[in-house]
Amino acid sequence: MKLITEPNLVNPDGIYARLIALHDNRSKEESARINARLILLLANHIGHEDILLEAMDLAGREKLS
């Protein structure tokens, strides 16, 4: 299995709006905890270590390719 990096969301604007709303009226610390929980939930759902490591490597780059 390979990491999907091409657009793959049916409603990307809706997802983005919901993600931004999730952080409304939250402190930086609360937002950081929410992000960490969201990442761990999605990582558990994905469940493939190779995909997760590839995503981490890509996310850690200065610019996305």
N, C-alpha and C. Protein backbone atom coordinates (compact mmCIF):
# COMPACT_ATOMS: atom_id res chain seq x y z
N MET A 1 0.84 -1.18 0.00
CA MET A 1 0.00 0.00 0.00
C MET A 1 0.89 1.24 0.00
N LYS A 2 0.44 2.27 -0.69
CA LYS A 2 1.21 3.51 -0.80
C LYS A 2 0.38 4.67 -0.27
N LEU A 3 1.06 5.64 0.29
CA LEU A 3 0.40 6.84 0.80
C LEU A 3 -0.25 7.60 -0.35
N ILE A 4 -1.51 7.94 -0.20
CA ILE A 4 -2.23 8.72 -1.20
C ILE A 4 -1.95 10.19 -0.93
N THR A 5 -1.33 10.87 -1.90
CA THR A 5 -1.03 12.29 -1.73
C THR A 5 -1.81 13.17 -2.69
N GLU A 6 -2.52 12.56 -3.62
CA GLU A 6 -3.38 13.32 -4.53
C GLU A 6 -4.68 13.64 -3.80
N PRO A 7 -5.39 14.72 -4.20
CA PRO A 7 -6.66 15.03 -3.56
C PRO A 7 -7.58 13.81 -3.54
N ASN A 8 -8.16 13.51 -2.37
CA ASN A 8 -8.94 12.30 -2.22
C ASN A 8 -10.18 12.51 -1.35
N LEU A 9 -10.50 13.76 -1.05
CA LEU A 9 -11.67 14.05 -0.22
C LEU A 9 -12.84 14.46 -1.10
N VAL A 10 -14.03 13.97 -0.77
CA VAL A 10 -15.22 14.33 -1.51
C VAL A 10 -15.59 15.79 -1.23
N ASN A 11 -15.41 16.23 0.01
CA ASN A 11 -15.80 17.58 0.43
C ASN A 11 -14.64 18.25 1.18
N PRO A 12 -13.54 18.57 0.50
CA PRO A 12 -12.38 19.13 1.20
C PRO A 12 -12.67 20.46 1.90
N ASP A 13 -13.49 21.32 1.30
CA ASP A 13 -13.81 22.60 1.94
C ASP A 13 -14.60 22.40 3.23
N GLY A 14 -15.52 21.45 3.21
CA GLY A 14 -16.30 21.15 4.41
C GLY A 14 -15.43 20.58 5.52
N ILE A 15 -14.53 19.69 5.16
CA ILE A 15 -13.62 19.10 6.15
C ILE A 15 -12.71 20.19 6.74
N TYR A 16 -12.20 21.07 5.87
CA TYR A 16 -11.34 22.16 6.33
C TYR A 16 -12.11 23.06 7.29
N ALA A 17 -13.34 23.42 6.92
CA ALA A 17 -14.15 24.29 7.78
C ALA A 17 -14.42 23.63 9.13
N ARG A 18 -14.70 22.34 9.11
CA ARG A 18 -14.95 21.61 10.37
C ARG A 18 -13.70 21.54 11.23
N LEU A 19 -12.54 21.36 10.60
CA LEU A 19 -11.27 21.33 11.34
C LEU A 19 -10.99 22.69 11.97
N ILE A 20 -11.20 23.77 11.23
CA ILE A 20 -11.00 25.11 11.77
C ILE A 20 -11.98 25.36 12.92
N ALA A 21 -13.24 24.98 12.74
CA ALA A 21 -14.25 25.17 13.79
C ALA A 21 -13.90 24.38 15.05
N LEU A 22 -13.28 23.24 14.88
CA LEU A 22 -12.87 22.42 16.03
C LEU A 22 -11.93 23.19 16.95
N HIS A 23 -11.19 24.13 16.39
CA HIS A 23 -10.20 24.89 17.16
C HIS A 23 -10.70 26.25 17.62
N ASP A 24 -11.91 26.64 17.20
CA ASP A 24 -12.46 27.93 17.62
C ASP A 24 -12.55 28.01 19.14
N ASN A 25 -12.15 29.16 19.66
CA ASN A 25 -12.24 29.44 21.10
C ASN A 25 -11.45 28.46 21.96
N ARG A 26 -10.40 27.90 21.39
CA ARG A 26 -9.52 26.98 22.15
C ARG A 26 -8.17 27.65 22.35
N SER A 27 -7.53 27.32 23.45
CA SER A 27 -6.17 27.82 23.67
C SER A 27 -5.21 27.05 22.76
N LYS A 28 -4.00 27.55 22.64
CA LYS A 28 -2.99 26.84 21.85
C LYS A 28 -2.76 25.44 22.41
N GLU A 29 -2.77 25.32 23.72
CA GLU A 29 -2.55 24.01 24.36
C GLU A 29 -3.70 23.05 24.05
N GLU A 30 -4.93 23.55 24.14
CA GLU A 30 -6.09 22.70 23.82
C GLU A 30 -6.06 22.28 22.36
N SER A 31 -5.72 23.21 21.46
CA SER A 31 -5.63 22.88 20.04
C SER A 31 -4.56 21.83 19.78
N ALA A 32 -3.43 21.96 20.46
CA ALA A 32 -2.35 20.98 20.30
C ALA A 32 -2.80 19.60 20.77
N ARG A 33 -3.53 19.54 21.89
CA ARG A 33 -4.03 18.24 22.38
C ARG A 33 -5.05 17.65 21.42
N ILE A 34 -5.93 18.49 20.87
CA ILE A 34 -6.91 18.02 19.89
C ILE A 34 -6.20 17.47 18.66
N ASN A 35 -5.21 18.20 18.16
CA ASN A 35 -4.45 17.72 16.99
C ASN A 35 -3.77 16.39 17.28
N ALA A 36 -3.18 16.27 18.46
CA ALA A 36 -2.50 15.02 18.81
C ALA A 36 -3.50 13.86 18.86
N ARG A 37 -4.65 14.08 19.49
CA ARG A 37 -5.66 13.02 19.55
C ARG A 37 -6.17 12.65 18.16
N LEU A 38 -6.40 13.67 17.33
CA LEU A 38 -6.88 13.41 15.97
C LEU A 38 -5.85 12.60 15.18
N ILE A 39 -4.59 12.97 15.28
CA ILE A 39 -3.52 12.24 14.59
C ILE A 39 -3.48 10.79 15.05
N LEU A 40 -3.55 10.58 16.36
CA LEU A 40 -3.48 9.21 16.88
C LEU A 40 -4.71 8.38 16.48
N LEU A 41 -5.89 9.00 16.48
CA LEU A 41 -7.09 8.29 16.03
C LEU A 41 -6.97 7.88 14.57
N LEU A 42 -6.53 8.81 13.72
CA LEU A 42 -6.39 8.50 12.30
C LEU A 42 -5.27 7.50 12.05
N ALA A 43 -4.17 7.61 12.80
CA ALA A 43 -3.07 6.65 12.66
C ALA A 43 -3.55 5.25 13.02
N ASN A 44 -4.33 5.15 14.09
CA ASN A 44 -4.88 3.84 14.47
C ASN A 44 -5.80 3.31 13.39
N HIS A 45 -6.60 4.17 12.80
CA HIS A 45 -7.50 3.75 11.73
C HIS A 45 -6.73 3.26 10.51
N ILE A 46 -5.68 3.98 10.14
CA ILE A 46 -4.86 3.58 8.99
C ILE A 46 -4.18 2.25 9.27
N GLY A 47 -3.52 2.16 10.42
CA GLY A 47 -3.00 0.89 10.89
C GLY A 47 -1.79 0.31 10.17
N HIS A 48 -1.29 0.97 9.14
CA HIS A 48 -0.14 0.46 8.40
C HIS A 48 1.09 1.31 8.73
N GLU A 49 2.05 0.68 9.41
CA GLU A 49 3.23 1.41 9.85
C GLU A 49 3.98 2.06 8.69
N ASP A 50 4.10 1.36 7.57
CA ASP A 50 4.83 1.93 6.43
C ASP A 50 4.15 3.19 5.90
N ILE A 51 2.84 3.20 5.86
CA ILE A 51 2.09 4.38 5.40
C ILE A 51 2.28 5.52 6.39
N LEU A 52 2.19 5.22 7.67
CA LEU A 52 2.35 6.25 8.69
C LEU A 52 3.75 6.85 8.68
N LEU A 53 4.76 6.01 8.53
CA LEU A 53 6.14 6.51 8.48
C LEU A 53 6.37 7.37 7.25
N GLU A 54 5.80 6.97 6.12
CA GLU A 54 5.91 7.77 4.90
C GLU A 54 5.22 9.13 5.09
N ALA A 55 4.05 9.12 5.71
CA ALA A 55 3.33 10.37 5.97
C ALA A 55 4.12 11.27 6.92
N MET A 56 4.73 10.69 7.95
CA MET A 56 5.55 11.48 8.88
C MET A 56 6.75 12.10 8.17
N ASP A 57 7.40 11.31 7.33
CA ASP A 57 8.54 11.83 6.58
C ASP A 57 8.11 12.99 5.69
N LEU A 58 7.00 12.81 5.00
CA LEU A 58 6.50 13.85 4.09
C LEU A 58 6.08 15.10 4.89
N ALA A 59 5.39 14.92 6.00
CA ALA A 59 4.94 16.04 6.81
C ALA A 59 6.12 16.81 7.42
N GLY A 60 7.22 16.11 7.67
CA GLY A 60 8.39 16.75 8.27
C GLY A 60 9.23 17.56 7.29
N ARG A 61 8.94 17.43 6.02
CA ARG A 61 9.68 18.21 5.02
C ARG A 61 9.27 19.67 5.08
N GLU A 62 10.20 20.53 4.71
CA GLU A 62 9.90 21.97 4.69
C GLU A 62 8.80 22.29 3.68
N LYS A 63 8.88 21.68 2.51
CA LYS A 63 7.87 21.88 1.47
C LYS A 63 7.30 20.54 1.08
N LEU A 64 6.01 20.48 0.85
CA LEU A 64 5.41 19.24 0.35
C LEU A 64 5.67 19.16 -1.15
N SER A 65 5.95 17.95 -1.62
CA SER A 65 6.19 17.79 -3.05
C SER A 65 4.93 17.36 -3.76
